[in-house]
Amino acid sequence: MIKIYGLKTCPYCDYIEQQVKGNPRFEIIDIGQHVRNMSAFIHLRDTNPVFNHAKESGDIGIPCFVKEDGTVTLKPEDVGLVEY
């Protein structure tokens, strides 16, 4: 299952969520819904170099995709989705 970290209030995340609605290949994790979700995302963001450019430009780095093999990407096309 591909995990997607995002926020309900993020238009980019909402666009992605609409694409995966009802698709069991994807799990949406709202980082604003619970502190454990935020904590998991912050750990991922703080330890993975995929986020370097996002951090340098002041972006949060969502939506974020974690593939089944643990690979992290910020590119929707890497998991078969369309970017906003």
C-alpha atoms as a PDB file:
ATOM      1  CA  MET A   1       0.000   0.000   0.000  1.00  0.00           C
ATOM      2  CA  ILE A   2       1.242   3.500  -0.870  1.00  0.00           C
ATOM      3  CA  LYS A   3       0.980   5.990   2.002  1.00  0.00           C
ATOM      4  CA  ILE A   4       0.145   9.590   1.154  1.00  0.00           C
ATOM      5  CA  TYR A   5       0.909  12.209   3.803  1.00  0.00           C
ATOM      6  CA  GLY A   6      -1.052  15.436   3.423  1.00  0.00           C
ATOM      7  CA  LEU A   7      -3.482  17.926   4.954  1.00  0.00           C
ATOM      8  CA  LYS A   8      -7.206  18.334   4.328  1.00  0.00           C
ATOM      9  CA  THR A   9      -6.714  22.095   3.843  1.00  0.00           C
ATOM     10  CA  CYS A  10      -3.996  21.698   1.177  1.00  0.00           C
ATOM     11  CA  PRO A  11      -5.388  22.063  -2.374  1.00  0.00           C
ATOM     12  CA  TYR A  12      -2.589  19.901  -3.814  1.00  0.00           C
ATOM     13  CA  CYS A  13      -3.363  17.151  -1.304  1.00  0.00           C
ATOM     14  CA  ASP A  14      -7.097  17.386  -2.014  1.00  0.00           C
ATOM     15  CA  TYR A  15      -6.424  17.007  -5.745  1.00  0.00           C
ATOM     16  CA  ILE A  16      -4.422  13.841  -5.052  1.00  0.00           C
ATOM     17  CA  GLU A  17      -7.035  12.510  -2.627  1.00  0.00           C
ATOM     18  CA  GLN A  18      -9.743  12.831  -5.297  1.00  0.00           C
ATOM     19  CA  GLN A  19      -7.630  10.643  -7.609  1.00  0.00           C
ATOM     20  CA  VAL A  20      -7.203   7.821  -5.074  1.00  0.00           C
ATOM     21  CA  LYS A  21     -10.626   7.848  -3.429  1.00  0.00           C
ATOM     22  CA  GLY A  22     -11.798   4.241  -3.128  1.00  0.00           C
ATOM     23  CA  ASN A  23      -8.496   2.810  -4.408  1.00  0.00           C
ATOM     24  CA  PRO A  24      -7.166   0.226  -1.921  1.00  0.00           C
ATOM     25  CA  ARG A  25      -3.598   0.731  -3.224  1.00  0.00           C
ATOM     26  CA  PHE A  26      -3.426   4.041  -1.339  1.00  0.00           C
ATOM     27  CA  GLU A  27      -3.723   5.133   2.290  1.00  0.00           C
ATOM     28  CA  ILE A  28      -4.311   8.828   3.002  1.00  0.00           C
ATOM     29  CA  ILE A  29      -2.688  10.042   6.224  1.00  0.00           C
ATOM     30  CA  ASP A  30      -3.871  13.495   7.306  1.00  0.00           C
ATOM     31  CA  ILE A  31      -0.983  14.966   9.305  1.00  0.00           C
ATOM     32  CA  GLY A  32      -3.359  17.454  10.940  1.00  0.00           C
ATOM     33  CA  GLN A  33      -5.752  14.797  12.197  1.00  0.00           C
ATOM     34  CA  HIS A  34      -3.604  13.394  15.011  1.00  0.00           C
ATOM     35  CA  VAL A  35      -0.274  14.203  16.620  1.00  0.00           C
ATOM     36  CA  ARG A  36       1.073  10.702  15.821  1.00  0.00           C
ATOM     37  CA  ASN A  37       0.479  11.388  12.096  1.00  0.00           C
ATOM     38  CA  MET A  38       2.303  14.712  12.346  1.00  0.00           C
ATOM     39  CA  SER A  39       5.130  13.101  14.298  1.00  0.00           C
ATOM     40  CA  ALA A  40       5.560  10.336  11.705  1.00  0.00           C
ATOM     41  CA  PHE A  41       5.641  12.903   8.896  1.00  0.00           C
ATOM     42  CA  ILE A  42       8.103  15.198  10.692  1.00  0.00           C
ATOM     43  CA  HIS A  43      10.427  12.263  11.330  1.00  0.00           C
ATOM     44  CA  LEU A  44      10.230  11.329   7.649  1.00  0.00           C
ATOM     45  CA  ARG A  45      10.850  14.947   6.587  1.00  0.00           C
ATOM     46  CA  ASP A  46      13.758  15.425   8.988  1.00  0.00           C
ATOM     47  CA  THR A  47      15.545  12.219   7.981  1.00  0.00           C
ATOM     48  CA  ASN A  48      14.975  11.880   4.228  1.00  0.00           C
ATOM     49  CA  PRO A  49      16.985  13.903   1.674  1.00  0.00           C
ATOM     50  CA  VAL A  50      14.006  13.905  -0.726  1.00  0.00           C
ATOM     51  CA  PHE A  51      12.733  16.873   1.301  1.00  0.00           C
ATOM     52  CA  ASN A  52      15.911  18.984   1.026  1.00  0.00           C
ATOM     53  CA  HIS A  53      14.651  21.153  -1.831  1.00  0.00           C
ATOM     54  CA  ALA A  54      11.219  21.583  -0.212  1.00  0.00           C
ATOM     55  CA  LYS A  55      12.837  22.699   3.055  1.00  0.00           C
ATOM     56  CA  GLU A  56      15.217  25.064   1.251  1.00  0.00           C
ATOM     57  CA  SER A  57      12.324  26.747  -0.542  1.00  0.00           C
ATOM     58  CA  GLY A  58      10.158  26.942   2.602  1.00  0.00           C
ATOM     59  CA  ASP A  59       7.663  24.287   1.491  1.00  0.00           C
ATOM     60  CA  ILE A  60       6.216  21.671   3.829  1.00  0.00           C
ATOM     61  CA  GLY A  61       6.735  18.778   1.415  1.00  0.00           C
ATOM     62  CA  ILE A  62       3.169  17.560   1.016  1.00  0.00           C
ATOM     63  CA  PRO A  63       1.678  15.632  -0.516  1.00  0.00           C
ATOM     64  CA  CYS A  64       4.357  13.074   0.189  1.00  0.00           C
ATOM     65  CA  PHE A  65       4.247   9.503  -1.078  1.00  0.00           C
ATOM     66  CA  VAL A  66       5.809   6.468   0.610  1.00  0.00           C
ATOM     67  CA  LYS A  67       5.905   3.461  -1.691  1.00  0.00           C
ATOM     68  CA  GLU A  68       5.581  -0.156  -0.561  1.00  0.00           C
ATOM     69  CA  ASP A  69       9.377  -0.565  -0.642  1.00  0.00           C
ATOM     70  CA  GLY A  70       9.852   2.473   1.641  1.00  0.00           C
ATOM     71  CA  THR A  71      10.964   4.815  -1.144  1.00  0.00           C
ATOM     72  CA  VAL A  72       9.799   8.379  -0.532  1.00  0.00           C
ATOM     73  CA  THR A  73       8.856  10.777  -3.323  1.00  0.00           C
ATOM     74  CA  LEU A  74       7.150  14.111  -3.689  1.00  0.00           C
ATOM     75  CA  LYS A  75       6.224  13.425  -7.307  1.00  0.00           C
ATOM     76  CA  PRO A  76       2.678  12.086  -7.853  1.00  0.00           C
ATOM     77  CA  GLU A  77       3.672  10.645 -11.230  1.00  0.00           C
ATOM     78  CA  ASP A  78       6.101   8.288  -9.414  1.00  0.00           C
ATOM     79  CA  VAL A  79       3.049   6.490  -7.997  1.00  0.00           C
ATOM     80  CA  GLY A  80       0.868   6.719 -11.092  1.00  0.00           C
ATOM     81  CA  LEU A  81      -0.999   9.927 -10.236  1.00  0.00           C
ATOM     82  CA  VAL A  82      -1.331  13.329 -11.899  1.00  0.00           C
ATOM     83  CA  GLU A  83       0.208  16.466 -10.380  1.00  0.00           C
ATOM     84  CA  TYR A  84      -2.017  19.459  -9.535  1.00  0.00           C
END
